[in-house]
Protein backbone atom coordinates (compact mmCIF):
# COMPACT_ATOMS: atom_id res chain seq x y z
CA UNK A 1 0.00 0.00 0.00
CA UNK A 2 1.50 3.37 -1.00
CA UNK A 3 2.18 5.94 1.69
CA UNK A 4 -0.09 8.95 2.05
CA UNK A 5 2.77 11.17 0.90
CA UNK A 6 3.11 9.18 -2.34
CA UNK A 7 -0.64 9.33 -2.92
CA UNK A 8 -0.70 13.11 -2.34
CA UNK A 9 2.27 13.55 -4.65
CA UNK A 10 0.53 11.55 -7.38
CA UNK A 11 -2.71 13.50 -6.87
CA UNK A 12 -0.83 16.80 -7.10
CA UNK A 13 0.89 15.73 -10.30
CA UNK A 14 -2.42 14.58 -11.78
CA UNK A 15 -4.09 17.87 -10.82
CA UNK A 16 -1.30 19.88 -12.51
CA UNK A 17 -1.59 17.77 -15.66
CA UNK A 18 -5.37 18.17 -15.70
CA UNK A 19 -4.99 21.94 -15.30
CA UNK A 20 -2.60 22.11 -18.28
CA UNK A 21 -5.03 20.09 -20.40
CA UNK A 22 -7.88 22.40 -19.39
CA UNK A 23 -5.80 25.47 -20.27
CA UNK A 24 -5.17 23.99 -23.69
CA UNK A 25 -8.82 23.22 -24.31
CA UNK A 26 -10.00 26.73 -23.49
CA UNK A 27 -7.21 28.31 -25.55
CA UNK A 28 -5.26 29.84 -22.69
CA UNK A 29 -2.00 28.34 -23.99
CA UNK A 30 -2.35 29.93 -27.44
CA UNK A 31 0.21 32.67 -26.74
CA UNK A 32 2.71 30.17 -25.31
CA UNK A 33 2.31 28.00 -28.43
CA UNK A 34 2.72 31.09 -30.64
CA UNK A 35 5.98 32.03 -28.89
CA UNK A 36 7.33 28.51 -29.31
CA UNK A 37 6.41 28.52 -33.01
CA UNK A 38 7.99 31.96 -33.39
CA UNK A 39 11.24 30.80 -31.75
CA UNK A 40 11.45 27.80 -34.09
CA UNK A 41 10.44 29.42 -37.37
CA UNK A 42 11.07 33.19 -37.11
CA UNK A 43 14.18 33.43 -34.94
CA UNK A 44 15.49 36.75 -36.28
CA UNK A 45 12.30 38.73 -35.68
CA UNK A 46 10.53 40.12 -32.64
CA UNK A 47 7.33 38.26 -31.67
CA UNK A 48 4.08 40.07 -31.03
CA UNK A 49 3.55 41.23 -27.49
CA UNK A 50 0.93 39.31 -25.56
CA UNK A 51 -1.66 42.10 -25.77
CA UNK A 52 -1.29 42.43 -29.56
CA UNK A 53 -1.35 38.65 -29.98
CA UNK A 54 -4.68 38.34 -28.10
CA UNK A 55 -6.14 41.31 -29.99
CA UNK A 56 -5.37 39.59 -33.31
CA UNK A 57 -6.48 36.21 -31.97
CA UNK A 58 -9.90 37.57 -30.96
CA UNK A 59 -10.26 39.55 -34.21
CA UNK A 60 -9.51 36.39 -36.19
CA UNK A 61 -12.27 34.60 -34.28
CA UNK A 62 -14.68 37.42 -35.05
CA UNK A 63 -13.92 37.43 -38.78
CA UNK A 64 -14.02 33.61 -39.03
CA UNK A 65 -16.85 32.62 -36.66
CA UNK A 66 -17.00 29.06 -38.02
CA UNK A 67 -13.64 28.39 -36.41
CA UNK A 68 -15.03 28.49 -32.86
CA UNK A 69 -17.76 26.68 -30.99
CA UNK A 70 -19.93 29.63 -29.87
PDB file of N, CA and C in Angstrom:
ATOM      1  N   UNK A   1       0.856  -1.183   0.000  1.00  0.00           N
ATOM      2  CA  UNK A   1       0.000   0.000   0.000  1.00  0.00           C
ATOM      3  C   UNK A   1       0.897   1.240   0.000  1.00  0.00           C
ATOM      4  N   UNK A   2       0.663   2.174  -0.943  1.00  0.00           N
ATOM      5  CA  UNK A   2       1.499   3.375  -1.002  1.00  0.00           C
ATOM      6  C   UNK A   2       1.261   4.283   0.202  1.00  0.00           C
ATOM      7  N   UNK A   3       2.302   5.012   0.566  1.00  0.00           N
ATOM      8  CA  UNK A   3       2.179   5.939   1.692  1.00  0.00           C
ATOM      9  C   UNK A   3       1.281   7.109   1.305  1.00  0.00           C
ATOM     10  N   UNK A   4       0.778   7.797   2.313  1.00  0.00           N
ATOM     11  CA  UNK A   4      -0.094   8.947   2.052  1.00  0.00           C
ATOM     12  C   UNK A   4       0.678  10.045   1.318  1.00  0.00           C
ATOM     13  N   UNK A   5       1.954  10.171   1.595  1.00  0.00           N
ATOM     14  CA  UNK A   5       2.773  11.167   0.902  1.00  0.00           C
ATOM     15  C   UNK A   5       2.856  10.853  -0.591  1.00  0.00           C
ATOM     16  N   UNK A   6       3.034   9.579  -0.937  1.00  0.00           N
ATOM     17  CA  UNK A   6       3.106   9.175  -2.342  1.00  0.00           C
ATOM     18  C   UNK A   6       1.773   9.415  -3.042  1.00  0.00           C
ATOM     19  N   UNK A   7       0.681   9.122  -2.343  1.00  0.00           N
ATOM     20  CA  UNK A   7      -0.644   9.333  -2.921  1.00  0.00           C
ATOM     21  C   UNK A   7      -0.879  10.824  -3.161  1.00  0.00           C
ATOM     22  N   UNK A   8      -0.534  11.661  -2.183  1.00  0.00           N
ATOM     23  CA  UNK A   8      -0.704  13.106  -2.338  1.00  0.00           C
ATOM     24  C   UNK A   8       0.174  13.647  -3.463  1.00  0.00           C
ATOM     25  N   UNK A   9       1.382  13.127  -3.573  1.00  0.00           N
ATOM     26  CA  UNK A   9       2.271  13.552  -4.649  1.00  0.00           C
ATOM     27  C   UNK A   9       1.676  13.185  -6.010  1.00  0.00           C
ATOM     28  N   UNK A  10       1.147  11.988  -6.128  1.00  0.00           N
ATOM     29  CA  UNK A  10       0.531  11.547  -7.379  1.00  0.00           C
ATOM     30  C   UNK A  10      -0.709  12.370  -7.691  1.00  0.00           C
ATOM     31  N   UNK A  11      -1.516  12.667  -6.670  1.00  0.00           N
ATOM     32  CA  UNK A  11      -2.706  13.501  -6.867  1.00  0.00           C
ATOM     33  C   UNK A  11      -2.323  14.911  -7.327  1.00  0.00           C
ATOM     34  N   UNK A  12      -1.286  15.467  -6.717  1.00  0.00           N
ATOM     35  CA  UNK A  12      -0.832  16.797  -7.101  1.00  0.00           C
ATOM     36  C   UNK A  12      -0.357  16.826  -8.543  1.00  0.00           C
ATOM     37  N   UNK A  13       0.399  15.817  -8.924  1.00  0.00           N
ATOM     38  CA  UNK A  13       0.890  15.728 -10.299  1.00  0.00           C
ATOM     39  C   UNK A  13      -0.279  15.596 -11.276  1.00  0.00           C
ATOM     40  N   UNK A  14      -1.242  14.761 -10.924  1.00  0.00           N
ATOM     41  CA  UNK A  14      -2.419  14.581 -11.780  1.00  0.00           C
ATOM     42  C   UNK A  14      -3.218  15.869 -11.899  1.00  0.00           C
ATOM     43  N   UNK A  15      -3.350  16.601 -10.801  1.00  0.00           N
ATOM     44  CA  UNK A  15      -4.092  17.870 -10.819  1.00  0.00           C
ATOM     45  C   UNK A  15      -3.393  18.882 -11.724  1.00  0.00           C
ATOM     46  N   UNK A  16      -2.056  18.959 -11.654  1.00  0.00           N
ATOM     47  CA  UNK A  16      -1.304  19.884 -12.515  1.00  0.00           C
ATOM     48  C   UNK A  16      -1.478  19.512 -13.987  1.00  0.00           C
ATOM     49  N   UNK A  17      -1.410  18.217 -14.280  1.00  0.00           N
ATOM     50  CA  UNK A  17      -1.590  17.767 -15.664  1.00  0.00           C
ATOM     51  C   UNK A  17      -2.993  18.085 -16.163  1.00  0.00           C
ATOM     52  N   UNK A  18      -3.992  17.867 -15.323  1.00  0.00           N
ATOM     53  CA  UNK A  18      -5.375  18.167 -15.698  1.00  0.00           C
ATOM     54  C   UNK A  18      -5.543  19.667 -15.945  1.00  0.00           C
ATOM     55  N   UNK A  19      -4.901  20.487 -15.134  1.00  0.00           N
ATOM     56  CA  UNK A  19      -4.987  21.940 -15.300  1.00  0.00           C
ATOM     57  C   UNK A  19      -4.378  22.359 -16.636  1.00  0.00           C
ATOM     58  N   UNK A  20      -3.227  21.774 -17.006  1.00  0.00           N
ATOM     59  CA  UNK A  20      -2.600  22.108 -18.281  1.00  0.00           C
ATOM     60  C   UNK A  20      -3.480  21.685 -19.457  1.00  0.00           C
ATOM     61  N   UNK A  21      -4.112  20.544 -19.355  1.00  0.00           N
ATOM     62  CA  UNK A  21      -5.030  20.087 -20.404  1.00  0.00           C
ATOM     63  C   UNK A  21      -6.200  21.057 -20.521  1.00  0.00           C
ATOM     64  N   UNK A  22      -6.753  21.455 -19.393  1.00  0.00           N
ATOM     65  CA  UNK A  22      -7.876  22.395 -19.387  1.00  0.00           C
ATOM     66  C   UNK A  22      -7.469  23.723 -20.014  1.00  0.00           C
ATOM     67  N   UNK A  23      -6.290  24.210 -19.674  1.00  0.00           N
ATOM     68  CA  UNK A  23      -5.800  25.467 -20.267  1.00  0.00           C
ATOM     69  C   UNK A  23      -5.716  25.350 -21.776  1.00  0.00           C
ATOM     70  N   UNK A  24      -5.261  24.201 -22.259  1.00  0.00           N
ATOM     71  CA  UNK A  24      -5.165  23.991 -23.694  1.00  0.00           C
ATOM     72  C   UNK A  24      -6.521  23.959 -24.374  1.00  0.00           C
ATOM     73  N   UNK A  25      -7.482  23.332 -23.736  1.00  0.00           N
ATOM     74  CA  UNK A  25      -8.824  23.218 -24.311  1.00  0.00           C
ATOM     75  C   UNK A  25      -9.481  24.588 -24.449  1.00  0.00           C
ATOM     76  N   UNK A  26      -9.342  25.422 -23.454  1.00  0.00           N
ATOM     77  CA  UNK A  26      -9.999  26.728 -23.488  1.00  0.00           C
ATOM     78  C   UNK A  26      -9.175  27.780 -24.240  1.00  0.00           C
ATOM     79  N   UNK A  27      -8.001  27.403 -24.735  1.00  0.00           N
ATOM     80  CA  UNK A  27      -7.206  28.312 -25.554  1.00  0.00           C
ATOM     81  C   UNK A  27      -6.238  29.192 -24.794  1.00  0.00           C
ATOM     82  N   UNK A  28      -6.117  28.977 -23.505  1.00  0.00           N
ATOM     83  CA  UNK A  28      -5.261  29.838 -22.693  1.00  0.00           C
ATOM     84  C   UNK A  28      -3.776  29.680 -23.045  1.00  0.00           C
ATOM     85  N   UNK A  29      -3.407  28.569 -23.647  1.00  0.00           N
ATOM     86  CA  UNK A  29      -2.005  28.338 -23.990  1.00  0.00           C
ATOM     87  C   UNK A  29      -1.656  28.824 -25.394  1.00  0.00           C
ATOM     88  N   UNK A  30      -2.580  29.499 -26.061  1.00  0.00           N
ATOM     89  CA  UNK A  30      -2.354  29.928 -27.440  1.00  0.00           C
ATOM     90  C   UNK A  30      -1.118  30.831 -27.554  1.00  0.00           C
ATOM     91  N   UNK A  31      -0.933  31.762 -26.648  1.00  0.00           N
ATOM     92  CA  UNK A  31       0.211  32.668 -26.741  1.00  0.00           C
ATOM     93  C   UNK A  31       1.514  31.907 -26.509  1.00  0.00           C
ATOM     94  N   UNK A  32       1.521  30.979 -25.559  1.00  0.00           N
ATOM     95  CA  UNK A  32       2.711  30.175 -25.309  1.00  0.00           C
ATOM     96  C   UNK A  32       3.077  29.354 -26.548  1.00  0.00           C
ATOM     97  N   UNK A  33       2.067  28.781 -27.208  1.00  0.00           N
ATOM     98  CA  UNK A  33       2.310  28.004 -28.428  1.00  0.00           C
ATOM     99  C   UNK A  33       2.819  28.913 -29.551  1.00  0.00           C
ATOM    100  N   UNK A  34       2.258  30.120 -29.639  1.00  0.00           N
ATOM    101  CA  UNK A  34       2.716  31.095 -30.637  1.00  0.00           C
ATOM    102  C   UNK A  34       4.193  31.428 -30.413  1.00  0.00           C
ATOM    103  N   UNK A  35       4.588  31.699 -29.167  1.00  0.00           N
ATOM    104  CA  UNK A  35       5.977  32.034 -28.885  1.00  0.00           C
ATOM    105  C   UNK A  35       6.907  30.882 -29.258  1.00  0.00           C
ATOM    106  N   UNK A  36       6.510  29.666 -28.961  1.00  0.00           N
ATOM    107  CA  UNK A  36       7.329  28.507 -29.313  1.00  0.00           C
ATOM    108  C   UNK A  36       7.467  28.391 -30.830  1.00  0.00           C
ATOM    109  N   UNK A  37       6.366  28.547 -31.547  1.00  0.00           N
ATOM    110  CA  UNK A  37       6.408  28.524 -33.009  1.00  0.00           C
ATOM    111  C   UNK A  37       7.324  29.633 -33.528  1.00  0.00           C
ATOM    112  N   UNK A  38       7.195  30.816 -32.966  1.00  0.00           N
ATOM    113  CA  UNK A  38       7.994  31.960 -33.393  1.00  0.00           C
ATOM    114  C   UNK A  38       9.477  31.691 -33.177  1.00  0.00           C
ATOM    115  N   UNK A  39       9.832  31.126 -32.033  1.00  0.00           N
ATOM    116  CA  UNK A  39      11.235  30.799 -31.751  1.00  0.00           C
ATOM    117  C   UNK A  39      11.791  29.821 -32.785  1.00  0.00           C
ATOM    118  N   UNK A  40      10.984  28.842 -33.169  1.00  0.00           N
ATOM    119  CA  UNK A  40      11.451  27.798 -34.085  1.00  0.00           C
ATOM    120  C   UNK A  40      11.500  28.252 -35.542  1.00  0.00           C
ATOM    121  N   UNK A  41      10.572  29.109 -35.954  1.00  0.00           N
ATOM    122  CA  UNK A  41      10.435  29.418 -37.372  1.00  0.00           C
ATOM    123  C   UNK A  41      10.751  30.864 -37.767  1.00  0.00           C
ATOM    124  N   UNK A  42      10.852  31.767 -36.803  1.00  0.00           N
ATOM    125  CA  UNK A  42      11.068  33.188 -37.110  1.00  0.00           C
ATOM    126  C   UNK A  42      12.097  33.785 -36.152  1.00  0.00           C
ATOM    127  N   UNK A  43      13.200  33.088 -35.976  1.00  0.00           N
ATOM    128  CA  UNK A  43      14.178  33.426 -34.937  1.00  0.00           C
ATOM    129  C   UNK A  43      14.721  34.846 -35.008  1.00  0.00           C
ATOM    130  N   UNK A  44      14.874  35.429 -36.173  1.00  0.00           N
ATOM    131  CA  UNK A  44      15.487  36.748 -36.280  1.00  0.00           C
ATOM    132  C   UNK A  44      14.547  37.914 -36.078  1.00  0.00           C
ATOM    133  N   UNK A  45      13.277  37.645 -35.792  1.00  0.00           N
ATOM    134  CA  UNK A  45      12.301  38.732 -35.675  1.00  0.00           C
ATOM    135  C   UNK A  45      11.717  38.783 -34.272  1.00  0.00           C
ATOM    136  N   UNK A  46      11.145  39.921 -33.948  1.00  0.00           N
ATOM    137  CA  UNK A  46      10.528  40.117 -32.637  1.00  0.00           C
ATOM    138  C   UNK A  46       9.092  39.596 -32.670  1.00  0.00           C
ATOM    139  N   UNK A  47       8.719  38.744 -31.695  1.00  0.00           N
ATOM    140  CA  UNK A  47       7.332  38.256 -31.671  1.00  0.00           C
ATOM    141  C   UNK A  47       6.371  39.360 -31.237  1.00  0.00           C
ATOM    142  N   UNK A  48       5.103  39.153 -31.515  1.00  0.00           N
ATOM    143  CA  UNK A  48       4.077  40.074 -31.029  1.00  0.00           C
ATOM    144  C   UNK A  48       4.086  40.066 -29.511  1.00  0.00           C
ATOM    145  N   UNK A  49       3.762  41.201 -28.930  1.00  0.00           N
ATOM    146  CA  UNK A  49       3.555  41.234 -27.491  1.00  0.00           C
ATOM    147  C   UNK A  49       2.261  40.483 -27.163  1.00  0.00           C
ATOM    148  N   UNK A  50       2.110  40.106 -25.928  1.00  0.00           N
ATOM    149  CA  UNK A  50       0.934  39.305 -25.562  1.00  0.00           C
ATOM    150  C   UNK A  50      -0.373  40.038 -25.845  1.00  0.00           C
ATOM    151  N   UNK A  51      -0.430  41.321 -25.537  1.00  0.00           N
ATOM    152  CA  UNK A  51      -1.658  42.096 -25.766  1.00  0.00           C
ATOM    153  C   UNK A  51      -2.034  42.125 -27.250  1.00  0.00           C
ATOM    154  N   UNK A  52      -1.046  42.393 -28.118  1.00  0.00           N
ATOM    155  CA  UNK A  52      -1.293  42.430 -29.562  1.00  0.00           C
ATOM    156  C   UNK A  52      -1.679  41.047 -30.080  1.00  0.00           C
ATOM    157  N   UNK A  53      -1.010  40.007 -29.573  1.00  0.00           N
ATOM    158  CA  UNK A  53      -1.353  38.646 -29.983  1.00  0.00           C
ATOM    159  C   UNK A  53      -2.824  38.359 -29.704  1.00  0.00           C
ATOM    160  N   UNK A  54      -3.285  38.648 -28.466  1.00  0.00           N
ATOM    161  CA  UNK A  54      -4.677  38.344 -28.105  1.00  0.00           C
ATOM    162  C   UNK A  54      -5.652  39.204 -28.899  1.00  0.00           C
ATOM    163  N   UNK A  55      -5.278  40.458 -29.178  1.00  0.00           N
ATOM    164  CA  UNK A  55      -6.144  41.306 -29.992  1.00  0.00           C
ATOM    165  C   UNK A  55      -6.354  40.666 -31.363  1.00  0.00           C
ATOM    166  N   UNK A  56      -5.264  40.231 -31.998  1.00  0.00           N
ATOM    167  CA  UNK A  56      -5.371  39.590 -33.315  1.00  0.00           C
ATOM    168  C   UNK A  56      -6.095  38.247 -33.226  1.00  0.00           C
ATOM    169  N   UNK A  57      -5.847  37.518 -32.167  1.00  0.00           N
ATOM    170  CA  UNK A  57      -6.480  36.213 -31.975  1.00  0.00           C
ATOM    171  C   UNK A  57      -8.006  36.366 -31.888  1.00  0.00           C
ATOM    172  N   UNK A  58      -8.457  37.331 -31.104  1.00  0.00           N
ATOM    173  CA  UNK A  58      -9.897  37.575 -30.955  1.00  0.00           C
ATOM    174  C   UNK A  58     -10.486  38.104 -32.266  1.00  0.00           C
ATOM    175  N   UNK A  59      -9.784  39.027 -32.920  1.00  0.00           N
ATOM    176  CA  UNK A  59     -10.257  39.553 -34.210  1.00  0.00           C
ATOM    177  C   UNK A  59     -10.405  38.438 -35.236  1.00  0.00           C
ATOM    178  N   UNK A  60      -9.444  37.517 -35.260  1.00  0.00           N
ATOM    179  CA  UNK A  60      -9.507  36.390 -36.192  1.00  0.00           C
ATOM    180  C   UNK A  60     -10.743  35.543 -35.906  1.00  0.00           C
ATOM    181  N   UNK A  61     -11.063  35.343 -34.642  1.00  0.00           N
ATOM    182  CA  UNK A  61     -12.266  34.597 -34.285  1.00  0.00           C
ATOM    183  C   UNK A  61     -13.543  35.309 -34.699  1.00  0.00           C
ATOM    184  N   UNK A  62     -13.512  36.644 -34.645  1.00  0.00           N
ATOM    185  CA  UNK A  62     -14.684  37.420 -35.050  1.00  0.00           C
ATOM    186  C   UNK A  62     -14.887  37.408 -36.565  1.00  0.00           C
ATOM    187  N   UNK A  63     -13.799  37.414 -37.323  1.00  0.00           N
ATOM    188  CA  UNK A  63     -13.919  37.430 -38.785  1.00  0.00           C
ATOM    189  C   UNK A  63     -14.120  36.041 -39.368  1.00  0.00           C
ATOM    190  N   UNK A  64     -13.818  35.008 -38.595  1.00  0.00           N
ATOM    191  CA  UNK A  64     -14.017  33.613 -39.030  1.00  0.00           C
ATOM    192  C   UNK A  64     -14.811  32.856 -37.966  1.00  0.00           C
ATOM    193  N   UNK A  65     -16.085  33.201 -37.773  1.00  0.00           N
ATOM    194  CA  UNK A  65     -16.853  32.615 -36.662  1.00  0.00           C
ATOM    195  C   UNK A  65     -17.038  31.102 -36.746  1.00  0.00           C
ATOM    196  N   UNK A  66     -16.875  30.507 -37.910  1.00  0.00           N
ATOM    197  CA  UNK A  66     -17.000  29.062 -38.024  1.00  0.00           C
ATOM    198  C   UNK A  66     -15.866  28.314 -37.360  1.00  0.00           C
ATOM    199  N   UNK A  67     -14.800  29.032 -36.999  1.00  0.00           N
ATOM    200  CA  UNK A  67     -13.642  28.388 -36.406  1.00  0.00           C
ATOM    201  C   UNK A  67     -13.734  28.275 -34.888  1.00  0.00           C
ATOM    202  N   UNK A  68     -14.862  28.621 -34.313  1.00  0.00           N
ATOM    203  CA  UNK A  68     -15.027  28.491 -32.858  1.00  0.00           C
ATOM    204  C   UNK A  68     -16.373  27.840 -32.556  1.00  0.00           C
ATOM    205  N   UNK A  69     -16.551  27.434 -31.343  1.00  0.00           N
ATOM    206  CA  UNK A  69     -17.759  26.677 -30.993  1.00  0.00           C
ATOM    207  C   UNK A  69     -18.977  27.557 -30.744  1.00  0.00           C
ATOM    208  N   UNK A  70     -18.790  28.816 -30.299  1.00  0.00           N
ATOM    209  CA  UNK A  70     -19.930  29.629 -29.872  1.00  0.00           C
ATOM    210  C   UNK A  70     -20.007  30.957 -30.610  1.00  0.00           C
TER     211      UNK A  70
END
